[in-house]
């Protein structure tokens, strides 16, 4: 195949490259790191602890959610 033929084919069908998926933005990745059943359950428990005025439980459970999300995000 000559260079001219190759240029014609490239013009007609495009370059021979693999298209890659665009990476997620950091905030989308953070949201997906948070959104799992374990964190959702812990968030519900933290809200219940807050509504029952158990601030120590709210802080402990909230800290667990934050640590779990940040570890998953970092990994």
Protein backbone atom coordinates (compact mmCIF):
# COMPACT_ATOMS: atom_id res chain seq x y z
CA UNK A 1 0.00 0.00 0.00
CA UNK A 2 1.39 3.39 -0.90
CA UNK A 3 1.35 6.47 1.30
CA UNK A 4 -1.26 8.05 -0.99
CA UNK A 5 -3.60 5.08 -0.62
CA UNK A 6 -3.12 5.10 3.14
CA UNK A 7 -3.93 8.82 3.29
CA UNK A 8 -7.11 8.25 1.26
CA UNK A 9 -8.23 5.47 3.58
CA UNK A 10 -7.46 7.61 6.66
CA UNK A 11 -9.49 10.47 5.20
CA UNK A 12 -12.41 8.14 4.51
CA UNK A 13 -12.54 6.05 7.72
CA UNK A 14 -10.40 7.97 10.21
CA UNK A 15 -7.21 7.16 12.02
CA UNK A 16 -6.51 3.71 13.43
CA UNK A 17 -6.68 4.57 17.14
CA UNK A 18 -8.53 3.07 20.06
CA UNK A 19 -10.97 5.47 21.68
CA UNK A 20 -10.59 5.63 25.44
CA UNK A 21 -13.29 6.45 27.93
CA UNK A 22 -13.03 9.87 29.44
CA UNK A 23 -11.97 9.57 33.09
CA UNK A 24 -14.45 10.60 35.77
CA UNK A 25 -14.06 13.97 37.43
CA UNK A 26 -12.90 13.88 41.07
CA UNK A 27 -16.31 14.80 42.47
CA UNK A 28 -18.06 12.06 40.44
CA UNK A 29 -15.48 9.56 41.67
CA UNK A 30 -16.01 10.78 45.25
CA UNK A 31 -19.79 10.37 44.91
CA UNK A 32 -19.39 6.84 43.55
CA UNK A 33 -17.01 6.07 46.41
CA UNK A 34 -19.66 7.17 48.92
CA UNK A 35 -22.61 5.46 47.26
CA UNK A 36 -22.48 1.87 48.50
CA UNK A 37 -24.86 -0.02 50.81
CA UNK A 38 -22.50 0.08 53.79
CA UNK A 39 -22.12 3.87 53.73
CA UNK A 40 -25.81 4.43 53.06
CA UNK A 41 -26.73 2.28 56.08
CA UNK A 42 -24.21 4.08 58.26
CA UNK A 43 -25.53 7.45 57.09
CA UNK A 44 -29.05 6.39 58.03
CA UNK A 45 -27.82 5.29 61.45
CA UNK A 46 -25.98 8.59 61.91
CA UNK A 47 -29.18 10.51 61.11
CA UNK A 48 -31.13 8.39 63.60
CA UNK A 49 -28.44 9.00 66.23
CA UNK A 50 -28.63 12.73 65.55
CA UNK A 51 -32.43 12.76 65.82
CA UNK A 52 -32.26 10.90 69.15
CA UNK A 53 -29.68 13.47 70.35
CA UNK A 54 -26.88 10.91 70.66
CA UNK A 55 -24.03 13.21 69.57
CA UNK A 56 -21.27 10.76 70.49
CA UNK A 57 -22.83 8.08 68.25
CA UNK A 58 -23.40 10.60 65.47
CA UNK A 59 -19.75 11.68 65.49
CA UNK A 60 -18.44 8.10 65.60
CA UNK A 61 -20.70 6.86 62.80
CA UNK A 62 -20.10 10.01 60.73
CA UNK A 63 -16.36 9.51 61.10
CA UNK A 64 -16.74 5.92 59.90
CA UNK A 65 -18.61 7.11 56.81
CA UNK A 66 -15.98 9.74 56.02
CA UNK A 67 -13.08 7.32 56.49
CA UNK A 68 -14.77 4.62 54.42
CA UNK A 69 -15.48 7.05 51.59
CA UNK A 70 -12.01 8.58 51.59
CA UNK A 71 -10.31 5.17 51.64
CA UNK A 72 -12.39 3.95 48.71
CA UNK A 73 -11.74 7.25 46.85
CA UNK A 74 -8.00 7.03 47.49
CA UNK A 75 -7.75 3.39 46.38
